[in-house]
Amino acid sequence: MNQTFERRWYWWFGLAIALVLPWIFYNWTDGRHSGFSLTLMSEIGLLIVFALSYNMLMGQAGLLSFGHAALFGLGGYTTAHALNAIAEHEIWFPVELVPLAGGLGGLAAGVTLGYLATKQRSTAFAMITLGLGELITAAALMFMLFFGGEGGVSTNRVIDASLFGVEYAQSIDVYYLIVAWGFISIWLMRLLTQTPLGRMANAQRDNFERTQFVGYDPRLIRFYQFVLAGFFAGVAGGLFAMLHEIVTFDAVAAQKSATALLATYIGGIGGFFGPVVGAIVVVLMQSGISLLSSAWLLYLGTLFVLIVMYAPGGLTGIIAEHAPIARIGRLKELFVPYLRLLLPGLLCLAGFVLLVETASFMSIGASQGKDLSFAGYSMQAGSWMPWIASLALLVVGGLWLKAEARVFSRTWNVLMEAAKAELASAQGGRQ
């Protein structure tokens, strides 16, 4: 029992954080939860499920999809119709299990769309999913009966059909429902990676011909993986419908697919929990930085480009690269090199932010009669000072960062060589 707990401590730790987190933002004076914080955490929860379902395709099976939102959105529409049917007493179903309707909707969509898309792989698969995604988006605007047109399908989660007597009128109730379904979905997706299907999905991703040689049909493997990914994407869509009580064509549009791609790749496709980290980062940037700047999408795009160029393993990949150095007990030797990278990195960041905000102000803020301010300092519209300051920060910070990066690289290489030598020595001793 103790060994099982030790192996799975991070599950219990994550669950404890998810349960306690809303109470950190609780207003004990008024006796109310922060609506913004609850919505933010709920969005993180459902995006985690959505991003992990996307990683079942891209990370585990090597399938780059541009239409994953179709599975998410169709699950959301199915859930909205299920809630309306329960409210009108056409059927009875406990509201706690209603996200299953979304999962079944995503599953059905996975069977239909996956039958077409998984006939091909690589670039052809990506193009097919892009076309299918656009087709579903167009259908959502045309067919009113199921999709509701531009207005979408509205619903009400307060339907008095709870197994536990919960009305779900409060945001905190919906949040805990998302937590419950989120952990169930994460556990099942984690379990799937340890099944023969999960192993063969990895195999056909890494060596397509070898998979055929040992007697498996890669196309069937892709199809089964696509269908199961559709189920979990549909569950995320069902949670979305219950959170917002409306589903529109935006839920099946390409932008929603891009959100899943960004969260998955930024977090890291190499490890199972990478999309979890990516989902947290993306939602915080969408909801946090968007309150401070209208150019938040540019910052998110820049982060994605930097990850692709310099850290293709994502944020979790960066952490994982430190594991060999940590095993030999020399991780503390990177503290000073990282500290030396911090100041030039901050100068580059300040220069980039000033440049972006100045350009954004000149195109949007000036026409609205706003004042340009940065770090508490006001600047005149049309002045050359913001441009000169931003370029100076970028040039000085960039050159300084490049010099410090070379020093850091030498230290890193020495430590990695030491880690490899110790690993080789340990392996030789065991032999």
Protein backbone atom coordinates (compact mmCIF):
# COMPACT_ATOMS: atom_id res chain seq x y z
CA MET A 1 0.00 0.00 0.00
CA ASN A 2 2.79 2.43 0.92
CA GLN A 3 4.71 1.56 -2.25
CA THR A 4 1.60 2.17 -4.36
CA PHE A 5 1.13 5.56 -2.71
CA GLU A 6 4.77 6.47 -3.28
CA ARG A 7 4.50 5.61 -6.98
CA ARG A 8 1.32 7.65 -7.39
CA TRP A 9 1.92 10.50 -4.96
CA TYR A 10 1.72 13.09 -7.72
CA TRP A 11 -1.90 12.07 -8.46
CA TRP A 12 -2.90 12.68 -4.86
CA PHE A 13 -0.86 15.87 -4.75
CA GLY A 14 -2.53 17.20 -7.90
CA LEU A 15 -5.98 16.28 -6.62
CA ALA A 16 -5.30 18.02 -3.31
CA ILE A 17 -4.22 21.20 -5.12
CA ALA A 18 -7.32 21.12 -7.34
CA LEU A 19 -9.62 20.72 -4.31
CA VAL A 20 -7.98 23.41 -2.19
CA LEU A 21 -7.19 26.01 -4.89
CA PRO A 22 -10.66 27.67 -5.04
CA TRP A 23 -10.51 28.43 -1.32
CA ILE A 24 -7.31 30.41 -1.74
CA PHE A 25 -9.33 32.98 -3.70
CA TYR A 26 -12.36 32.80 -1.39
CA ASN A 27 -13.53 36.10 0.06
CA TRP A 28 -14.08 35.22 3.70
CA THR A 29 -15.56 38.66 4.42
CA ASP A 30 -18.36 38.41 1.88
CA GLY A 31 -18.57 34.63 1.98
CA ARG A 32 -18.23 34.33 -1.79
CA HIS A 33 -15.89 32.67 -4.24
CA SER A 34 -14.14 34.68 -6.93
CA GLY A 35 -16.17 34.11 -10.09
CA PHE A 36 -13.24 35.00 -12.33
CA SER A 37 -10.88 32.60 -10.55
CA LEU A 38 -13.38 29.75 -10.65
CA THR A 39 -14.02 30.25 -14.36
CA LEU A 40 -10.28 30.44 -15.01
CA MET A 41 -9.61 27.19 -13.12
CA SER A 42 -12.56 25.48 -14.80
CA GLU A 43 -11.22 26.50 -18.21
CA ILE A 44 -7.83 25.07 -17.26
CA GLY A 45 -9.46 21.79 -16.21
CA LEU A 46 -11.39 21.22 -19.42
CA LEU A 47 -8.48 22.37 -21.61
CA ILE A 48 -6.24 19.83 -19.85
CA VAL A 49 -8.62 17.05 -20.92
CA PHE A 50 -8.89 18.50 -24.43
CA ALA A 51 -5.11 18.90 -24.83
CA LEU A 52 -4.42 15.38 -23.52
CA SER A 53 -6.93 13.98 -26.02
CA TYR A 54 -5.09 15.89 -28.75
CA ASN A 55 -1.81 14.46 -27.52
CA MET A 56 -3.25 10.98 -28.04
CA LEU A 57 -2.99 11.80 -31.73
CA MET A 58 0.04 14.06 -32.10
CA GLY A 59 2.25 12.92 -29.25
CA GLN A 60 1.41 9.23 -28.99
CA ALA A 61 0.47 8.33 -32.57
CA GLY A 62 2.38 11.00 -34.52
CA LEU A 63 -0.79 12.36 -36.14
CA LEU A 64 -0.89 16.13 -36.60
CA SER A 65 -4.56 17.11 -36.63
CA PHE A 66 -5.92 20.51 -37.61
CA GLY A 67 -9.56 19.58 -36.98
CA HIS A 68 -9.59 18.23 -33.43
CA ALA A 69 -12.06 20.91 -32.39
CA ALA A 70 -14.74 19.14 -34.46
CA LEU A 71 -14.70 16.29 -31.94
CA PHE A 72 -14.71 18.74 -29.02
CA GLY A 73 -17.54 20.86 -30.42
CA LEU A 74 -19.76 17.97 -31.46
CA GLY A 75 -19.41 16.61 -27.94
CA GLY A 76 -20.46 20.01 -26.63
CA TYR A 77 -23.51 20.21 -28.91
CA THR A 78 -24.56 16.67 -27.91
CA THR A 79 -24.30 17.59 -24.24
CA ALA A 80 -26.35 20.76 -24.71
CA HIS A 81 -29.14 18.82 -26.41
CA ALA A 82 -28.99 16.15 -23.70
CA LEU A 83 -29.37 18.78 -20.97
CA ASN A 84 -32.34 20.33 -22.79
CA ALA A 85 -33.98 16.91 -23.20
CA ILE A 86 -33.56 16.21 -19.47
CA ALA A 87 -34.97 19.64 -18.59
CA GLU A 88 -38.05 18.98 -20.76
CA HIS A 89 -38.51 15.55 -19.10
CA GLU A 90 -38.05 13.74 -22.39
CA ILE A 91 -35.39 11.57 -20.73
CA TRP A 92 -33.97 11.24 -17.24
CA PHE A 93 -30.25 11.12 -16.67
CA PRO A 94 -28.19 12.29 -13.70
CA VAL A 95 -26.48 15.57 -14.42
CA GLU A 96 -23.19 14.24 -13.01
CA LEU A 97 -23.05 11.74 -15.90
CA VAL A 98 -24.16 14.14 -18.63
CA PRO A 99 -20.53 14.68 -19.82
CA LEU A 100 -20.77 11.06 -20.95
CA ALA A 101 -23.21 12.29 -23.61
CA GLY A 102 -20.45 14.57 -24.84
CA GLY A 103 -18.03 11.65 -24.82
CA LEU A 104 -20.43 9.53 -26.88
CA GLY A 105 -20.97 12.43 -29.28
CA GLY A 106 -17.21 12.78 -29.69
CA LEU A 107 -16.91 9.01 -30.07
CA ALA A 108 -19.50 8.95 -32.86
CA ALA A 109 -17.74 11.86 -34.57
CA GLY A 110 -14.43 10.03 -34.14
CA VAL A 111 -15.81 6.94 -35.87
CA THR A 112 -17.20 8.94 -38.79
CA LEU A 113 -14.37 11.42 -39.30
CA GLY A 114 -11.67 8.96 -38.31
CA TYR A 115 -12.79 6.46 -40.96
CA LEU A 116 -11.95 9.09 -43.58
CA ALA A 117 -8.93 10.78 -42.00
CA THR A 118 -6.98 7.71 -40.88
CA LYS A 119 -6.83 6.23 -44.36
CA GLN A 120 -3.77 8.46 -44.73
CA ARG A 121 -0.99 9.56 -42.41
CA SER A 122 1.58 12.35 -42.12
CA THR A 123 0.85 15.44 -44.27
CA ALA A 124 -2.16 13.89 -45.99
CA PHE A 125 -3.78 13.16 -42.61
CA ALA A 126 -3.21 16.76 -41.50
CA MET A 127 -4.80 18.13 -44.68
CA ILE A 128 -7.81 15.81 -44.40
CA THR A 129 -8.45 16.85 -40.80
CA LEU A 130 -8.16 20.50 -41.82
CA GLY A 131 -10.78 19.98 -44.53
CA LEU A 132 -13.09 18.03 -42.23
CA GLY A 133 -12.79 20.70 -39.55
CA GLU A 134 -13.75 23.44 -41.98
CA LEU A 135 -16.63 21.29 -43.25
CA ILE A 136 -18.03 20.88 -39.71
CA THR A 137 -17.60 24.62 -39.06
CA ALA A 138 -19.57 25.44 -42.23
CA ALA A 139 -22.25 22.90 -41.26
CA ALA A 140 -22.57 24.53 -37.83
CA LEU A 141 -23.60 27.78 -39.52
CA MET A 142 -25.96 26.13 -42.01
CA PHE A 143 -27.92 23.44 -40.17
CA MET A 144 -30.08 25.09 -37.54
CA LEU A 145 -31.80 22.00 -36.14
CA PHE A 146 -28.72 20.55 -34.44
CA PHE A 147 -26.21 23.42 -34.42
CA GLY A 148 -28.51 26.40 -33.94
CA GLY A 149 -26.72 28.57 -36.52
CA GLU A 150 -24.69 31.57 -35.39
CA GLY A 151 -26.60 31.78 -32.10
CA GLY A 152 -25.66 28.23 -31.19
CA VAL A 153 -27.53 26.02 -28.73
CA SER A 154 -28.31 27.39 -25.27
CA THR A 155 -28.98 25.16 -22.30
CA ASN A 156 -29.41 25.20 -18.53
CA ARG A 157 -27.47 22.95 -16.18
CA VAL A 158 -29.85 23.60 -13.24
CA ILE A 159 -32.27 20.79 -14.08
CA ASP A 160 -32.89 19.10 -10.69
CA ALA A 161 -31.54 15.73 -11.81
CA SER A 162 -28.60 15.25 -9.50
CA LEU A 163 -27.64 12.00 -7.80
CA PHE A 164 -26.37 13.98 -4.80
CA GLY A 165 -28.96 16.76 -4.63
CA VAL A 166 -26.58 19.38 -6.06
CA GLU A 167 -28.26 22.07 -8.16
CA TYR A 168 -25.09 23.21 -10.01
CA ALA A 169 -26.31 26.77 -9.86
CA GLN A 170 -23.01 27.84 -8.30
CA SER A 171 -19.73 27.99 -10.22
CA ILE A 172 -17.96 26.08 -7.44
CA ASP A 173 -20.24 23.07 -8.03
CA VAL A 174 -19.40 23.01 -11.74
CA TYR A 175 -15.71 23.40 -10.95
CA TYR A 176 -15.69 20.32 -8.74
CA LEU A 177 -17.62 18.39 -11.39
CA ILE A 178 -14.90 19.35 -13.91
CA VAL A 179 -12.23 18.26 -11.41
CA ALA A 180 -13.92 14.87 -10.99
CA TRP A 181 -14.30 14.23 -14.71
CA GLY A 182 -10.87 15.68 -15.38
CA PHE A 183 -9.10 13.24 -13.06
CA ILE A 184 -11.13 10.29 -14.33
CA SER A 185 -10.29 11.21 -17.93
CA ILE A 186 -6.60 11.81 -17.19
CA TRP A 187 -6.34 8.47 -15.38
CA LEU A 188 -8.03 6.60 -18.24
CA MET A 189 -5.84 8.27 -20.87
CA ARG A 190 -2.76 7.46 -18.80
CA LEU A 191 -3.94 3.85 -18.52
CA LEU A 192 -4.44 3.72 -22.30
CA THR A 193 -0.76 4.50 -22.88
CA GLN A 194 0.10 1.26 -21.05
CA THR A 195 -2.19 -0.96 -23.16
CA PRO A 196 -1.13 -2.84 -26.31
CA LEU A 197 -2.98 -0.22 -28.38
CA GLY A 198 -1.01 2.57 -26.74
CA ARG A 199 2.27 0.75 -27.28
CA MET A 200 1.48 0.05 -30.94
CA ALA A 201 0.42 3.67 -31.48
CA ASN A 202 3.93 4.65 -30.37
CA ALA A 203 5.40 1.96 -32.61
CA GLN A 204 3.63 3.07 -35.79
CA ARG A 205 4.58 6.66 -34.96
CA ASP A 206 8.27 5.77 -34.70
CA ASN A 207 8.54 3.14 -37.43
CA PHE A 208 5.58 2.74 -39.76
CA GLU A 209 7.15 -0.03 -41.87
CA ARG A 210 8.31 -2.02 -38.84
CA THR A 211 4.77 -2.05 -37.45
CA GLN A 212 3.51 -3.58 -40.68
CA PHE A 213 6.36 -6.07 -40.68
CA VAL A 214 5.41 -7.51 -37.27
CA GLY A 215 1.83 -8.07 -38.41
CA TYR A 216 -0.16 -5.01 -37.28
CA ASP A 217 -2.30 -2.78 -39.47
CA PRO A 218 -1.15 0.84 -38.85
CA ARG A 219 -4.36 2.18 -40.33
CA LEU A 220 -6.48 0.33 -37.74
CA ILE A 221 -4.19 1.52 -34.98
CA ARG A 222 -4.64 5.12 -36.15
CA PHE A 223 -8.40 4.63 -36.39
CA TYR A 224 -8.80 3.20 -32.87
CA GLN A 225 -6.59 5.94 -31.44
CA PHE A 226 -8.60 8.61 -33.29
CA VAL A 227 -11.91 7.22 -32.00
CA LEU A 228 -10.75 7.10 -28.40
CA ALA A 229 -9.28 10.59 -28.69
CA GLY A 230 -12.70 11.67 -29.97
CA PHE A 231 -14.35 10.28 -26.84
CA PHE A 232 -12.14 12.26 -24.47
CA ALA A 233 -12.36 15.40 -26.63
CA GLY A 234 -16.13 14.99 -26.46
CA VAL A 235 -15.99 14.76 -22.65
CA ALA A 236 -14.06 18.06 -22.64
CA GLY A 237 -16.71 19.54 -24.96
CA GLY A 238 -19.44 18.31 -22.61
CA LEU A 239 -17.76 20.01 -19.66
CA PHE A 240 -17.48 23.18 -21.78
CA ALA A 241 -21.23 23.08 -22.45
CA MET A 242 -22.01 22.66 -18.77
CA LEU A 243 -19.64 25.47 -17.77
CA HIS A 244 -20.85 28.10 -20.25
CA GLU A 245 -24.40 26.80 -20.88
CA ILE A 246 -24.10 27.61 -24.57
CA VAL A 247 -22.28 26.04 -27.51
CA THR A 248 -21.68 27.99 -30.72
CA PHE A 249 -19.81 27.35 -33.96
CA ASP A 250 -16.63 28.69 -32.29
CA ALA A 251 -16.40 25.36 -30.45
CA VAL A 252 -15.75 23.51 -33.74
CA ALA A 253 -13.70 26.23 -35.44
CA ALA A 254 -10.01 26.08 -36.33
CA GLN A 255 -9.06 28.47 -33.51
CA LYS A 256 -10.15 25.90 -30.92
CA SER A 257 -8.01 23.27 -32.65
CA ALA A 258 -5.10 25.70 -32.59
CA THR A 259 -5.56 26.16 -28.84
CA ALA A 260 -5.18 22.41 -28.30
CA LEU A 261 -2.11 22.32 -30.55
CA LEU A 262 -0.49 25.24 -28.71
CA ALA A 263 -1.17 23.79 -25.27
CA THR A 264 0.14 20.38 -26.28
CA TYR A 265 3.31 21.58 -27.98
CA ILE A 266 4.18 24.30 -25.45
CA GLY A 267 3.80 21.85 -22.58
CA GLY A 268 5.65 19.08 -24.42
CA ILE A 269 4.56 16.12 -26.54
CA GLY A 270 7.35 13.88 -25.28
CA GLY A 271 5.76 13.15 -21.90
CA PHE A 272 2.22 12.37 -20.87
CA PHE A 273 1.84 15.34 -18.52
CA GLY A 274 3.28 17.91 -20.93
CA PRO A 275 -0.16 19.05 -22.19
CA VAL A 276 -1.24 19.58 -18.56
CA VAL A 277 1.50 22.20 -18.13
CA GLY A 278 0.77 23.65 -21.57
CA ALA A 279 -2.95 24.01 -20.82
CA ILE A 280 -2.21 25.94 -17.63
CA VAL A 281 0.18 28.29 -19.48
CA VAL A 282 -2.19 28.90 -22.41
CA VAL A 283 -5.24 29.65 -20.25
CA LEU A 284 -3.25 31.97 -17.99
CA MET A 285 -1.96 33.84 -21.04
CA GLN A 286 -5.41 34.01 -22.61
CA SER A 287 -7.16 35.20 -19.47
CA GLY A 288 -4.33 36.98 -17.65
CA ILE A 289 -2.25 38.75 -20.26
CA SER A 290 -5.36 39.62 -22.29
CA LEU A 291 -6.45 41.84 -19.38
CA LEU A 292 -3.17 43.76 -19.64
CA SER A 293 -2.61 43.88 -23.38
CA SER A 294 -4.63 43.58 -26.58
CA ALA A 295 -1.60 41.93 -28.18
CA TRP A 296 -1.71 38.84 -25.94
CA LEU A 297 -2.10 36.53 -28.94
CA LEU A 298 1.20 37.80 -30.33
CA TYR A 299 2.94 36.93 -27.07
CA LEU A 300 1.43 33.44 -27.15
CA GLY A 301 2.54 32.97 -30.76
CA THR A 302 6.05 34.18 -29.93
CA LEU A 303 6.29 31.70 -27.05
CA PHE A 304 5.20 28.91 -29.40
CA VAL A 305 7.85 29.87 -31.98
CA LEU A 306 10.58 29.99 -29.33
CA ILE A 307 9.54 26.58 -28.01
CA VAL A 308 9.62 25.08 -31.52
CA MET A 309 13.04 26.60 -32.28
CA TYR A 310 14.91 26.11 -29.01
CA ALA A 311 12.97 23.57 -26.93
CA PRO A 312 11.07 21.13 -29.17
CA GLY A 313 10.44 18.95 -26.12
CA GLY A 314 8.32 21.72 -24.60
CA LEU A 315 8.45 23.07 -21.06
CA THR A 316 8.38 19.61 -19.51
CA GLY A 317 11.15 18.59 -21.89
CA ILE A 318 13.33 21.38 -20.52
CA ILE A 319 12.76 20.08 -17.00
CA ALA A 320 13.42 16.48 -18.05
CA GLU A 321 16.77 17.44 -19.58
CA HIS A 322 18.02 18.35 -16.11
CA ALA A 323 17.33 14.85 -14.74
CA PRO A 324 20.80 13.36 -15.54
CA ILE A 325 22.52 16.28 -13.83
CA ALA A 326 20.20 15.99 -10.84
CA ARG A 327 20.99 12.26 -10.53
CA ILE A 328 24.70 12.98 -10.04
CA GLY A 329 23.90 15.67 -7.48
CA ARG A 330 25.38 18.62 -9.40
CA LEU A 331 22.23 20.55 -10.28
CA LYS A 332 23.21 23.39 -7.91
CA GLU A 333 26.14 24.20 -10.21
CA LEU A 334 23.63 25.57 -12.74
CA PHE A 335 22.26 28.16 -10.30
CA VAL A 336 24.82 30.87 -11.04
CA PRO A 337 24.80 30.31 -14.85
CA TYR A 338 21.00 30.59 -14.86
CA LEU A 339 21.23 33.71 -12.70
CA ARG A 340 23.62 35.26 -15.21
CA LEU A 341 21.10 34.57 -17.99
CA LEU A 342 18.28 36.21 -16.05
CA LEU A 343 19.19 39.91 -16.37
CA PRO A 344 19.93 39.97 -20.14
CA GLY A 345 16.85 37.82 -20.65
CA LEU A 346 14.73 40.36 -18.77
CA LEU A 347 16.22 43.19 -20.87
CA CYS A 348 15.28 41.35 -24.07
CA LEU A 349 11.79 40.70 -22.72
CA ALA A 350 11.33 44.35 -21.72
CA GLY A 351 12.50 45.52 -25.14
CA PHE A 352 10.19 43.12 -26.94
CA VAL A 353 7.17 44.04 -24.81
CA LEU A 354 7.85 47.77 -25.26
CA LEU A 355 8.17 47.31 -29.03
CA VAL A 356 4.92 45.33 -29.26
CA GLU A 357 2.96 47.67 -27.02
CA THR A 358 4.22 50.73 -28.90
CA ALA A 359 3.21 49.23 -32.24
CA SER A 360 -0.16 48.16 -30.79
CA PHE A 361 -0.72 51.62 -29.33
CA MET A 362 0.04 53.37 -32.62
CA SER A 363 -2.49 51.21 -34.47
CA ILE A 364 -5.23 50.97 -31.82
CA GLY A 365 -4.66 53.04 -28.68
CA ALA A 366 -3.84 56.36 -30.34
CA SER A 367 -7.06 56.33 -32.36
CA GLN A 368 -9.01 55.77 -29.14
CA GLY A 369 -7.35 58.74 -27.41
CA LYS A 370 -5.47 56.65 -24.87
CA ASP A 371 -2.08 57.43 -23.34
CA LEU A 372 0.94 55.21 -23.88
CA SER A 373 2.44 54.03 -20.59
CA PHE A 374 5.04 51.37 -19.86
CA ALA A 375 6.25 50.24 -16.42
CA GLY A 376 4.54 53.25 -14.86
CA TYR A 377 6.06 55.81 -17.26
CA SER A 378 3.93 57.83 -19.67
CA MET A 379 5.17 58.45 -23.19
CA GLN A 380 3.91 60.84 -25.83
CA ALA A 381 2.16 59.39 -28.84
CA GLY A 382 4.24 59.80 -31.99
CA SER A 383 7.50 60.17 -30.04
CA TRP A 384 10.58 58.28 -31.21
CA MET A 385 11.61 57.55 -27.63
CA PRO A 386 9.63 54.28 -27.21
CA TRP A 387 11.04 52.92 -30.47
CA ILE A 388 14.62 53.88 -29.61
CA ALA A 389 14.32 52.50 -26.08
CA SER A 390 12.83 49.17 -27.22
CA LEU A 391 15.47 48.66 -29.92
CA ALA A 392 18.26 49.58 -27.49
CA LEU A 393 16.98 47.08 -24.93
CA LEU A 394 16.71 44.38 -27.58
CA VAL A 395 20.18 44.98 -29.01
CA VAL A 396 22.00 45.31 -25.68
CA GLY A 397 20.04 42.49 -24.06
CA GLY A 398 20.40 40.25 -27.12
CA LEU A 399 24.18 40.64 -27.38
CA TRP A 400 24.60 40.18 -23.65
CA LEU A 401 22.30 37.13 -23.66
CA LYS A 402 24.24 35.58 -26.55
CA ALA A 403 27.53 35.94 -24.66
CA GLU A 404 26.07 34.49 -21.46
CA ALA A 405 24.46 31.66 -23.43
CA ARG A 406 27.90 30.54 -24.63
CA VAL A 407 29.15 30.46 -21.03
CA PHE A 408 26.05 28.53 -19.96
CA SER A 409 26.48 26.07 -22.84
CA ARG A 410 30.04 25.24 -21.77
CA THR A 411 28.94 24.60 -18.18
CA TRP A 412 26.00 22.51 -19.36
CA ASN A 413 28.19 20.37 -21.62
CA VAL A 414 30.68 19.69 -18.81
CA LEU A 415 27.89 18.57 -16.47
CA MET A 416 26.23 16.39 -19.12
CA GLU A 417 29.54 14.69 -19.91
CA ALA A 418 30.02 14.02 -16.21
CA ALA A 419 26.50 12.57 -16.01
CA LYS A 420 27.15 10.29 -19.01
CA ALA A 421 30.48 9.14 -17.55
CA GLU A 422 28.88 8.28 -14.22
CA LEU A 423 26.02 6.44 -15.94
CA ALA A 424 28.50 4.43 -18.04
CA SER A 425 30.52 3.63 -14.92
CA ALA A 426 27.40 2.45 -13.08
CA GLN A 427 26.36 0.23 -15.98
CA GLY A 428 29.86 -1.23 -16.20
CA GLY A 429 29.81 -2.01 -12.48
CA ARG A 430 26.51 -3.90 -12.80
CA GLN A 431 27.89 -5.99 -15.65
